[in-house]
Every structure is written in C-alpha cells, then in structure tokens.
C-alpha atoms as a PDB file:
ATOM      1  CA  MET A   1      70.385 -12.449 -70.852  1.00  0.00           C
ATOM      2  CA  THR A   2      74.244 -13.254 -70.286  1.00  0.00           C
ATOM      3  CA  VAL A   3      76.994 -11.535 -72.036  1.00  0.00           C
ATOM      4  CA  SER A   4      77.869 -14.566 -74.092  1.00  0.00           C
ATOM      5  CA  ALA A   5      74.190 -15.012 -74.905  1.00  0.00           C
ATOM      6  CA  GLN A   6      74.053 -11.575 -75.978  1.00  0.00           C
ATOM      7  CA  SER A   7      77.154 -11.735 -78.272  1.00  0.00           C
ATOM      8  CA  ALA A   8      75.714 -14.989 -79.780  1.00  0.00           C
ATOM      9  CA  ARG A   9      72.565 -13.349 -80.615  1.00  0.00           C
ATOM     10  CA  ARG A  10      74.188 -10.721 -82.529  1.00  0.00           C
ATOM     11  CA  LEU A  11      76.513 -12.990 -84.396  1.00  0.00           C
ATOM     12  CA  ALA A  12      73.682 -14.998 -85.360  1.00  0.00           C
ATOM     13  CA  GLU A  13      71.633 -11.969 -86.575  1.00  0.00           C
ATOM     14  CA  THR A  14      74.578 -10.904 -88.720  1.00  0.00           C
ATOM     15  CA  ALA A  15      75.087 -14.191 -90.084  1.00  0.00           C
ATOM     16  CA  ASN A  16      71.396 -14.703 -91.318  1.00  0.00           C
ATOM     17  CA  VAL A  17      70.549 -11.643 -93.103  1.00  0.00           C
ATOM     18  CA  ALA A  18      68.187 -12.076 -95.787  1.00  0.00           C
ATOM     19  CA  ARG A  19      67.509  -9.798 -98.657  1.00  0.00           C
ATOM     20  CA  VAL A  20      63.734  -9.219 -99.163  1.00  0.00           C
ATOM     21  CA  GLU A  21      62.708  -8.244-102.755  1.00  0.00           C
ATOM     22  CA  LEU A  22      59.647  -5.954-102.383  1.00  0.00           C
ATOM     23  CA  ARG A  23      59.081  -4.953-106.325  1.00  0.00           C
ATOM     24  CA  ARG A  24      57.871  -8.231-107.342  1.00  0.00           C
ATOM     25  CA  GLY A  25      55.842  -7.107-110.046  1.00  0.00           C
ATOM     26  CA  GLY A  26      58.374  -4.986-112.028  1.00  0.00           C
ATOM     27  CA  PRO A  27      61.016  -2.169-111.404  1.00  0.00           C
ATOM     28  CA  VAL A  28      58.521   0.504-110.503  1.00  0.00           C
ATOM     29  CA  LEU A  29      60.114   3.993-109.188  1.00  0.00           C
ATOM     30  CA  ALA A  30      58.142   3.727-105.890  1.00  0.00           C
ATOM     31  CA  GLY A  31      55.264   2.182-104.140  1.00  0.00           C
ATOM     32  CA  SER A  32      53.622   1.361-100.727  1.00  0.00           C
ATOM     33  CA  TYR A  33      52.787  -1.526 -98.477  1.00  0.00           C
ATOM     34  CA  LEU A  34      50.373  -1.515 -95.482  1.00  0.00           C
ATOM     35  CA  TYR A  35      50.849  -3.837 -92.492  1.00  0.00           C
ATOM     36  CA  GLU A  36      48.042  -4.292 -89.867  1.00  0.00           C
ATOM     37  CA  GLY A  37      47.787  -6.947 -87.507  1.00  0.00           C
ATOM     38  CA  ASP A  38      49.236  -8.732 -84.355  1.00  0.00           C
ATOM     39  CA  LEU A  39      53.053  -8.989 -83.001  1.00  0.00           C
ATOM     40  CA  LEU A  40      55.443  -9.394 -85.638  1.00  0.00           C
ATOM     41  CA  VAL A  41      59.353  -9.602 -85.736  1.00  0.00           C
ATOM     42  CA  THR A  42      60.559  -9.456 -89.200  1.00  0.00           C
ATOM     43  CA  GLY A  43      64.065 -10.863 -88.504  1.00  0.00           C
ATOM     44  CA  TRP A  44      67.296  -9.268 -89.910  1.00  0.00           C
ATOM     45  CA  HIS A  45      67.148  -8.198 -93.706  1.00  0.00           C
ATOM     46  CA  VAL A  46      67.853  -5.733 -96.491  1.00  0.00           C
ATOM     47  CA  HIS A  47      66.132  -4.072 -99.303  1.00  0.00           C
ATOM     48  CA  ASP A  48      67.368  -2.836-102.629  1.00  0.00           C
ATOM     49  CA  VAL A  49      64.913   0.180-102.071  1.00  0.00           C
ATOM     50  CA  HIS A  50      64.949   3.197 -99.472  1.00  0.00           C
ATOM     51  CA  GLN A  51      62.155   2.823 -97.224  1.00  0.00           C
ATOM     52  CA  ILE A  52      60.155   5.414 -94.949  1.00  0.00           C
ATOM     53  CA  GLU A  53      57.880   3.543 -92.348  1.00  0.00           C
ATOM     54  CA  TYR A  54      54.911   5.599 -91.151  1.00  0.00           C
ATOM     55  CA  ALA A  55      53.040   4.336 -87.787  1.00  0.00           C
ATOM     56  CA  ILE A  56      49.614   5.127 -88.295  1.00  0.00           C
ATOM     57  CA  GLY A  57      48.562   3.285 -85.073  1.00  0.00           C
ATOM     58  CA  GLY A  58      50.522   1.293 -82.406  1.00  0.00           C
ATOM     59  CA  VAL A  59      54.106   1.200 -82.148  1.00  0.00           C
ATOM     60  CA  VAL A  60      57.183   0.048 -84.505  1.00  0.00           C
ATOM     61  CA  GLU A  61      60.580  -0.740 -83.238  1.00  0.00           C
ATOM     62  CA  VAL A  62      63.465  -0.745 -85.664  1.00  0.00           C
ATOM     63  CA  GLU A  63      66.723  -2.115 -84.725  1.00  0.00           C
ATOM     64  CA  THR A  64      70.281  -1.429 -86.874  1.00  0.00           C
ATOM     65  CA  ALA A  65      73.796  -2.370 -85.706  1.00  0.00           C
ATOM     66  CA  ALA A  66      73.981   1.495 -84.556  1.00  0.00           C
ATOM     67  CA  GLY A  67      71.015   1.736 -82.806  1.00  0.00           C
ATOM     68  CA  HIS A  68      67.369   0.865 -81.608  1.00  0.00           C
ATOM     69  CA  TYR A  69      64.936   3.147 -82.608  1.00  0.00           C
ATOM     70  CA  LEU A  70      61.291   3.688 -81.461  1.00  0.00           C
ATOM     71  CA  LEU A  71      58.326   4.706 -83.936  1.00  0.00           C
ATOM     72  CA  PRO A  72      55.505   5.726 -82.122  1.00  0.00           C
ATOM     73  CA  PRO A  73      51.962   6.898 -83.956  1.00  0.00           C
ATOM     74  CA  GLN A  74      52.537   9.789 -86.385  1.00  0.00           C
ATOM     75  CA  GLN A  75      56.479   9.328 -86.505  1.00  0.00           C
ATOM     76  CA  ALA A  76      58.130   7.927 -89.352  1.00  0.00           C
ATOM     77  CA  ALA A  77      61.395   5.665 -89.747  1.00  0.00           C
ATOM     78  CA  TRP A  78      63.800   6.310 -92.483  1.00  0.00           C
ATOM     79  CA  ILE A  79      65.609   2.990 -93.744  1.00  0.00           C
ATOM     80  CA  PRO A  80      68.153   3.443 -96.452  1.00  0.00           C
ATOM     81  CA  ALA A  81      68.762   0.966 -99.192  1.00  0.00           C
ATOM     82  CA  GLY A  82      71.229  -1.688 -98.059  1.00  0.00           C
ATOM     83  CA  LEU A  83      70.908  -1.126 -94.551  1.00  0.00           C
ATOM     84  CA  GLN A  84      70.701  -4.303 -92.311  1.00  0.00           C
ATOM     85  CA  HIS A  85      67.632  -4.025 -89.806  1.00  0.00           C
ATOM     86  CA  GLN A  86      65.018  -5.771 -88.059  1.00  0.00           C
ATOM     87  CA  ALA A  87      61.839  -4.530 -87.317  1.00  0.00           C
ATOM     88  CA  THR A  88      59.272  -5.512 -84.479  1.00  0.00           C
ATOM     89  CA  MET A  89      55.549  -4.583 -85.197  1.00  0.00           C
ATOM     90  CA  ASN A  90      53.684  -4.515 -81.651  1.00  0.00           C
ATOM     91  CA  PRO A  91      50.450  -5.691 -81.137  1.00  0.00           C
ATOM     92  CA  SER A  92      47.391  -3.698 -82.788  1.00  0.00           C
ATOM     93  CA  VAL A  93      49.900  -1.965 -84.776  1.00  0.00           C
ATOM     94  CA  LYS A  94      48.891  -0.318 -88.245  1.00  0.00           C
ATOM     95  CA  THR A  95      51.759   1.021 -90.392  1.00  0.00           C
ATOM     96  CA  LEU A  96      52.415   2.107 -93.826  1.00  0.00           C
ATOM     97  CA  ALA A  97      55.723   1.695 -95.763  1.00  0.00           C
ATOM     98  CA  VAL A  98      56.646   3.799 -98.957  1.00  0.00           C
ATOM     99  CA  MET A  99      59.571   2.406-100.944  1.00  0.00           C
ATOM    100  CA  PHE A 100      61.843   4.395-103.113  1.00  0.00           C
ATOM    101  CA  ASP A 101      64.147   3.474-105.942  1.00  0.00           C
ATOM    102  CA  PRO A 102      67.551   4.782-104.605  1.00  0.00           C
ATOM    103  CA  ALA A 103      67.884   6.760-107.799  1.00  0.00           C
ATOM    104  CA  VAL A 104      65.047   8.843-106.868  1.00  0.00           C
ATOM    105  CA  ILE A 105      66.556  10.029-103.604  1.00  0.00           C
ATOM    106  CA  PRO A 106      70.134   9.657-103.965  1.00  0.00           C
ATOM    107  CA  ASP A 107      71.195  11.322-100.846  1.00  0.00           C
ATOM    108  CA  GLY A 108      69.487   8.941 -98.362  1.00  0.00           C
ATOM    109  CA  GLY A 109      72.398   8.402 -96.256  1.00  0.00           C
ATOM    110  CA  ASP A 110      73.695   4.897 -94.610  1.00  0.00           C
ATOM    111  CA  ARG A 111      71.822   5.089 -91.240  1.00  0.00           C
ATOM    112  CA  ALA A 112      68.344   4.823 -89.799  1.00  0.00           C
ATOM    113  CA  ARG A 113      66.347   7.973 -88.538  1.00  0.00           C
ATOM    114  CA  ILE A 114      63.078   9.035 -86.853  1.00  0.00           C
ATOM    115  CA  LEU A 115      61.360  11.718 -88.545  1.00  0.00           C
ATOM    116  CA  ALA A 116      58.668  14.006 -87.492  1.00  0.00           C
ATOM    117  CA  VAL A 117      55.883  13.746 -90.039  1.00  0.00           C
ATOM    118  CA  SER A 118      54.266  17.193 -91.190  1.00  0.00           C
ATOM    119  CA  PRO A 119      50.571  17.149 -91.945  1.00  0.00           C
ATOM    120  CA  LEU A 120      51.314  17.463 -95.776  1.00  0.00           C
ATOM    121  CA  LEU A 121      53.949  14.500 -95.608  1.00  0.00           C
ATOM    122  CA  ARG A 122      51.145  12.496 -93.753  1.00  0.00           C
ATOM    123  CA  GLU A 123      48.597  13.017 -96.071  1.00  0.00           C
ATOM    124  CA  MET A 124      50.867  12.066 -99.216  1.00  0.00           C
ATOM    125  CA  LEU A 125      52.072   9.144 -97.450  1.00  0.00           C
ATOM    126  CA  LEU A 126      48.465   7.905 -96.976  1.00  0.00           C
ATOM    127  CA  TYR A 127      47.588   8.856-100.512  1.00  0.00           C
ATOM    128  CA  ALA A 128      50.524   6.674-101.719  1.00  0.00           C
ATOM    129  CA  LEU A 129      48.474   3.560-100.659  1.00  0.00           C
ATOM    130  CA  ARG A 130      46.741   3.662-103.789  1.00  0.00           C
ATOM    131  CA  TRP A 131      50.111   2.441-105.725  1.00  0.00           C
ATOM    132  CA  PRO A 132      51.430  -0.893-103.948  1.00  0.00           C
ATOM    133  CA  ILE A 133      55.053  -1.532-104.190  1.00  0.00           C
ATOM    134  CA  ASP A 134      54.189  -4.823-106.138  1.00  0.00           C
ATOM    135  CA  ARG A 135      52.279  -3.496-108.675  1.00  0.00           C
ATOM    136  CA  ALA A 136      53.375  -4.547-112.355  1.00  0.00           C
ATOM    137  CA  ALA A 137      54.464  -1.137-113.784  1.00  0.00           C
ATOM    138  CA  GLY A 138      54.553   2.680-112.838  1.00  0.00           C
ATOM    139  CA  ASP A 139      52.780   5.371-114.974  1.00  0.00           C
ATOM    140  CA  LYS A 140      52.956   9.118-115.472  1.00  0.00           C
ATOM    141  CA  VAL A 141      50.700   9.882-112.523  1.00  0.00           C
ATOM    142  CA  SER A 142      52.256   7.763-110.055  1.00  0.00           C
ATOM    143  CA  ASP A 143      55.872   8.604-111.135  1.00  0.00           C
ATOM    144  CA  SER A 144      54.920  12.289-110.684  1.00  0.00           C
ATOM    145  CA  PHE A 145      53.503  11.877-107.356  1.00  0.00           C
ATOM    146  CA  PHE A 146      56.482   9.814-105.981  1.00  0.00           C
ATOM    147  CA  LEU A 147      58.899  12.136-107.187  1.00  0.00           C
ATOM    148  CA  THR A 148      57.124  15.023-105.380  1.00  0.00           C
ATOM    149  CA  LEU A 149      56.880  13.012-102.133  1.00  0.00           C
ATOM    150  CA  ALA A 150      60.622  11.876-102.494  1.00  0.00           C
ATOM    151  CA  ASN A 151      61.281  15.842-102.271  1.00  0.00           C
ATOM    152  CA  LEU A 152      59.234  16.049 -99.265  1.00  0.00           C
ATOM    153  CA  VAL A 153      61.225  13.059 -97.789  1.00  0.00           C
ATOM    154  CA  SER A 154      64.474  14.406 -98.476  1.00  0.00           C
ATOM    155  CA  ASP A 155      63.533  17.705 -96.764  1.00  0.00           C
ATOM    156  CA  ALA A 156      62.256  15.794 -93.709  1.00  0.00           C
ATOM    157  CA  LEU A 157      65.670  13.916 -93.376  1.00  0.00           C
ATOM    158  CA  ASP A 158      67.222  17.151 -92.229  1.00  0.00           C
ATOM    159  CA  HIS A 159      64.603  17.207 -89.192  1.00  0.00           C
ATOM    160  CA  GLU A 160      65.599  14.065 -87.067  1.00  0.00           C
ATOM    161  CA  ALA A 161      63.762  13.289 -83.891  1.00  0.00           C
ATOM    162  CA  PRO A 162      65.791  11.860 -81.075  1.00  0.00           C
ATOM    163  CA  LEU A 163      63.535   8.607 -80.555  1.00  0.00           C
ATOM    164  CA  SER A 164      66.665   5.929 -80.461  1.00  0.00           C
ATOM    165  CA  LEU A 165      69.018   4.475 -78.070  1.00  0.00           C
ATOM    166  CA  PRO A 166      72.530   3.367 -79.081  1.00  0.00           C
ATOM    167  CA  THR A 167      73.803  -0.007 -79.369  1.00  0.00           C
ATOM    168  CA  SER A 168      77.104  -1.466 -78.618  1.00  0.00           C
ATOM    169  CA  GLU A 169      79.458  -4.284 -79.846  1.00  0.00           C
ATOM    170  CA  ASP A 170      81.150  -4.353 -76.412  1.00  0.00           C
ATOM    171  CA  THR A 171      79.713  -7.307 -74.750  1.00  0.00           C
ATOM    172  CA  VAL A 172      79.798  -5.812 -71.191  1.00  0.00           C
ATOM    173  CA  ILE A 173      78.135  -2.659 -72.366  1.00  0.00           C
ATOM    174  CA  ALA A 174      75.759  -4.410 -74.504  1.00  0.00           C
ATOM    175  CA  ALA A 175      74.508  -6.626 -71.648  1.00  0.00           C
ATOM    176  CA  ALA A 176      74.390  -3.581 -69.317  1.00  0.00           C
ATOM    177  CA  MET A 177      72.226  -2.098 -71.935  1.00  0.00           C
ATOM    178  CA  ALA A 178      70.161  -5.094 -72.078  1.00  0.00           C
ATOM    179  CA  TYR A 179      69.980  -5.572 -68.341  1.00  0.00           C
ATOM    180  CA  THR A 180      68.830  -1.836 -67.975  1.00  0.00           C
ATOM    181  CA  LYS A 181      66.112  -1.899 -70.502  1.00  0.00           C
ATOM    182  CA  ASP A 182      64.630  -5.193 -68.869  1.00  0.00           C
ATOM    183  CA  HIS A 183      64.593  -3.613 -65.507  1.00  0.00           C
ATOM    184  CA  LEU A 184      63.229  -0.183 -65.965  1.00  0.00           C
ATOM    185  CA  GLN A 185      60.820  -0.141 -63.301  1.00  0.00           C
ATOM    186  CA  SER A 186      63.446  -0.409 -60.648  1.00  0.00           C
ATOM    187  CA  VAL A 187      66.957  -0.795 -62.055  1.00  0.00           C
ATOM    188  CA  SER A 188      70.035   0.673 -60.243  1.00  0.00           C
ATOM    189  CA  LEU A 189      73.502   1.172 -61.563  1.00  0.00           C
ATOM    190  CA  ASP A 190      74.525  -1.057 -58.680  1.00  0.00           C
ATOM    191  CA  GLU A 191      72.400  -3.804 -59.964  1.00  0.00           C
ATOM    192  CA  VAL A 192      73.569  -3.374 -63.574  1.00  0.00           C
ATOM    193  CA  CYS A 193      77.086  -3.635 -62.385  1.00  0.00           C
ATOM    194  CA  ARG A 194      76.385  -6.722 -60.309  1.00  0.00           C
ATOM    195  CA  ALA A 195      74.865  -8.534 -63.462  1.00  0.00           C
ATOM    196  CA  VAL A 196      77.657  -7.758 -65.807  1.00  0.00           C
ATOM    197  CA  ALA A 197      80.336  -8.565 -63.101  1.00  0.00           C
ATOM    198  CA  VAL A 198      82.157  -5.179 -63.255  1.00  0.00           C
ATOM    199  CA  SER A 199      82.663  -2.132 -60.678  1.00  0.00           C
ATOM    200  CA  GLU A 200      80.706   0.951 -60.993  1.00  0.00           C
ATOM    201  CA  ARG A 201      83.860   2.957 -61.654  1.00  0.00           C
ATOM    202  CA  THR A 202      84.602   0.497 -64.709  1.00  0.00           C
ATOM    203  CA  LEU A 203      80.738   0.593 -66.277  1.00  0.00           C
ATOM    204  CA  ARG A 204      80.694   4.313 -65.802  1.00  0.00           C
ATOM    205  CA  ARG A 205      84.086   4.771 -67.871  1.00  0.00           C
ATOM    206  CA  GLN A 206      83.440   2.123 -70.461  1.00  0.00           C
ATOM    207  CA  PHE A 207      80.042   3.308 -70.902  1.00  0.00           C
ATOM    208  CA  GLN A 208      80.691   6.858 -71.497  1.00  0.00           C
ATOM    209  CA  SER A 209      83.563   6.084 -73.714  1.00  0.00           C
ATOM    210  CA  GLU A 210      81.811   3.520 -75.760  1.00  0.00           C
ATOM    211  CA  VAL A 211      78.397   5.288 -76.124  1.00  0.00           C
ATOM    212  CA  GLY A 212      79.177   8.830 -75.773  1.00  0.00           C
ATOM    213  CA  MET A 213      76.498   9.250 -72.911  1.00  0.00           C
ATOM    214  CA  SER A 214      76.566   8.344 -69.202  1.00  0.00           C
ATOM    215  CA  TRP A 215      74.674   5.425 -68.085  1.00  0.00           C
ATOM    216  CA  ARG A 216      72.039   7.643 -66.189  1.00  0.00           C
ATOM    217  CA  THR A 217      71.267   9.466 -69.577  1.00  0.00           C
ATOM    218  CA  TYR A 218      70.847   6.054 -71.069  1.00  0.00           C
ATOM    219  CA  LEU A 219      68.552   5.136 -68.455  1.00  0.00           C
ATOM    220  CA  LEU A 220      66.603   8.231 -68.722  1.00  0.00           C
ATOM    221  CA  HIS A 221      66.280   7.945 -72.372  1.00  0.00           C
ATOM    222  CA  ALA A 222      65.062   4.327 -72.283  1.00  0.00           C
ATOM    223  CA  ARG A 223      62.482   5.205 -69.539  1.00  0.00           C
ATOM    224  CA  MET A 224      61.178   8.032 -71.913  1.00  0.00           C
ATOM    225  CA  LEU A 225      60.983   5.740 -74.858  1.00  0.00           C
ATOM    226  CA  ARG A 226      59.438   2.900 -73.284  1.00  0.00           C
ATOM    227  CA  ALA A 227      56.873   5.577 -71.559  1.00  0.00           C
ATOM    228  CA  MET A 228      55.936   6.740 -75.226  1.00  0.00           C
ATOM    229  CA  ALA A 229      55.334   3.320 -76.378  1.00  0.00           C
ATOM    230  CA  LEU A 230      53.084   2.373 -73.411  1.00  0.00           C
ATOM    231  CA  LEU A 231      51.066   5.661 -73.780  1.00  0.00           C
ATOM    232  CA  ALA A 232      50.427   4.884 -77.304  1.00  0.00           C
ATOM    233  CA  ALA A 233      48.443   1.761 -76.111  1.00  0.00           C
ATOM    234  CA  PRO A 234      44.677   2.347 -75.672  1.00  0.00           C
ATOM    235  CA  GLY A 235      43.630   2.100 -72.154  1.00  0.00           C
ATOM    236  CA  GLN A 236      47.100   2.872 -70.545  1.00  0.00           C
ATOM    237  CA  SER A 237      46.938   5.727 -67.968  1.00  0.00           C
ATOM    238  CA  VAL A 238      49.689   8.354 -67.265  1.00  0.00           C
ATOM    239  CA  GLN A 239      49.866   6.895 -63.538  1.00  0.00           C
ATOM    240  CA  GLN A 240      50.277   3.305 -64.904  1.00  0.00           C
ATOM    241  CA  THR A 241      53.013   4.418 -67.273  1.00  0.00           C
ATOM    242  CA  ALA A 242      54.936   6.612 -64.883  1.00  0.00           C
ATOM    243  CA  SER A 243      55.257   3.399 -62.347  1.00  0.00           C
ATOM    244  CA  ALA A 244      55.983   1.052 -65.200  1.00  0.00           C
ATOM    245  CA  VAL A 245      59.209   3.166 -66.223  1.00  0.00           C
ATOM    246  CA  GLY A 246      60.404   3.660 -62.382  1.00  0.00           C
ATOM    247  CA  PHE A 247      59.045   6.901 -61.516  1.00  0.00           C
ATOM    248  CA  ASP A 248      57.390   7.095 -57.911  1.00  0.00           C
ATOM    249  CA  SER A 249      56.273  11.005 -58.426  1.00  0.00           C
ATOM    250  CA  MET A 250      53.868  11.967 -61.120  1.00  0.00           C
ATOM    251  CA  GLY A 251      55.237  15.315 -61.131  1.00  0.00           C
ATOM    252  CA  SER A 252      58.878  14.088 -61.650  1.00  0.00           C
ATOM    253  CA  PHE A 253      57.609  11.918 -64.756  1.00  0.00           C
ATOM    254  CA  THR A 254      55.757  14.819 -66.312  1.00  0.00           C
ATOM    255  CA  ARG A 255      58.722  16.851 -66.164  1.00  0.00           C
ATOM    256  CA  ALA A 256      61.208  14.659 -67.326  1.00  0.00           C
ATOM    257  CA  PHE A 257      58.839  13.438 -70.224  1.00  0.00           C
ATOM    258  CA  ALA A 258      57.764  17.131 -71.319  1.00  0.00           C
ATOM    259  CA  GLN A 259      61.487  17.985 -71.488  1.00  0.00           C
ATOM    260  CA  PHE A 260      61.997  14.832 -73.625  1.00  0.00           C
ATOM    261  CA  CYS A 261      59.319  14.833 -75.760  1.00  0.00           C
ATOM    262  CA  GLY A 262      58.209  18.606 -75.901  1.00  0.00           C
ATOM    263  CA  GLU A 263      54.579  17.972 -74.379  1.00  0.00           C
ATOM    264  CA  THR A 264      53.060  16.686 -71.374  1.00  0.00           C
ATOM    265  CA  PRO A 265      52.336  12.708 -71.021  1.00  0.00           C
ATOM    266  CA  SER A 266      48.700  13.373 -71.129  1.00  0.00           C
ATOM    267  CA  SER A 267      48.660  15.622 -74.214  1.00  0.00           C
ATOM    268  CA  TYR A 268      50.950  13.015 -75.787  1.00  0.00           C
ATOM    269  CA  ARG A 269      48.533  10.207 -75.057  1.00  0.00           C
ATOM    270  CA  ARG A 270      45.670  11.978 -76.360  1.00  0.00           C
ATOM    271  CA  ARG A 271      47.494  13.049 -79.583  1.00  0.00           C
ATOM    272  CA  VAL A 272      48.554   9.511 -80.443  1.00  0.00           C
ATOM    273  CA  ASN A 273      45.479   7.728 -79.723  1.00  0.00           C
ATOM    274  CA  LYS A 274      43.630   9.732 -82.050  1.00  0.00           C
ATOM    275  CA  ILE A 275      42.609   7.511 -84.888  1.00  0.00           C
ATOM    276  CA  ALA A 276      44.387   8.483 -88.101  1.00  0.00           C
ATOM    277  CA  VAL A 277      42.678   6.676 -90.781  1.00  0.00           C
END
C-alpha cells in the first residue's frame, strides 16, 4: 500500500463511522452477544455502551486510532463507550461480547485494552450468555449479576496485556508499519526505507519520535503478535509459525516468544487450542 493510499483509507474510515445500537429491545443495564462464523470485518463504528469482547476460539483483531490490538483465545478486549473502532473476526472465530451501560462502569477510560481473563471472570462472561443485550427488559437477578461482573471487569482493567501495536497519523511511519506487517517473513529495514522512500537514519529517527519505540522493536512485537494468531489456528505447527514470521532458528523463535508471552510456543498452542465451550 502506498503512502497516499494509506492516508486516503484512514480519512475514509474516519468519515464513515457509524453508531451501532445494540440495546434494541430496551434500555437494559447490560447484556451479551455471541458471534460464531466466518471472516467478518465490522467497519468503523461506535457504541453507546462499554464492551468487553472475549475470544472463546479463534482470533479477533480490534483497531482504533491509537493502536491495533490482537485478541487471541482466552483474552478479552475492553472497548469503552464512544470509542471509534473496527473489529476483524478471523475465520472460525467464536467470540462473546458483554456490553454495559456506562453508568455501571463509570471509570471505563477512553482507550481500548487487552485483558488477561481469570478463571472466575471467564465463567461469569460465559454465564452472561443467558441474558442477550437485545432483550426487552432487565430484572433483579440479571441486574445483580451484571453489577457483580462489572466489578470484576473494573478490577481487570488494571491488568493490561501488551498485545497491541501502535499506529501513527504520520504518513511515512504509517506506510512503514503497513509494509513491515505485510512482509514479516523476510522484511529488512533497508527494504522498508526503499518502500517509503526515506533514508534509514530518517526512518529510525522518525519512528522513535513518533511511536516511542525503535523499528526493530516494532518488528519483533509484530512478529510475536502474528505468531500468537497463527498458533491459535488448528493444525498450525510451531515450525511453520516460526518460518512464517521470519525466524530461521527454532531456538531463537522459542526464546523470543517465551520472553514476550511468558510461555513457550508449544505450551501456548496447546492452551489456546483447547475447546473452551
């Protein structure tokens, strides 16, 4: 994608943000929504409710103006009310969203976050399926349940997982990011500089200034997030994944992955491929 195309796409996205009303049955305090199916890109939109999205199986990606977030199985994305975002439901995904009236969680913040889901929070999110967000009215039982769940979610907001990539409004940096993500298997800084028509010195300086990290750190994070997404797919081997994200050595890949994720690629793959429901 060229710099001009990247800029035009972002302007188009900003200009076409839709408000999606989820509480179609009535002004309920909170409720749930289950999605299971093929590839779906929602387009840019906002809600008047807070949303916590839990990936039961498969991988969900959430994009905002501030970052690109990866939601692998057994992690949750927090999307506060009013935040413009776009979600990509990758093939064979099963995901559960629970929405809250902003009054229930008044300190929801103004940015998306990826949260580690504790066993208790996971079970309560799944239990919320009995109360869809589009039901006609709440009741004492459901309201009490969702108030308790809201307290757990509020506590989880203090424990953010580093599963996101920064974005940039700078056209050169945005194009460099896009090229890097599209060529993870064999990308080099020299290739990126040629693609965006700047010198290595200029790109290094601009990248650090604009993003707050070096290009090489961005590349490593992009490779690790892509590896997590690939390993969540049934039948995907660790060796295939290492090669797909640019590692020739299994040892180097395992060390990098373990340092980033806190567990080896093999153990992560086993965990996320367990059937949760």
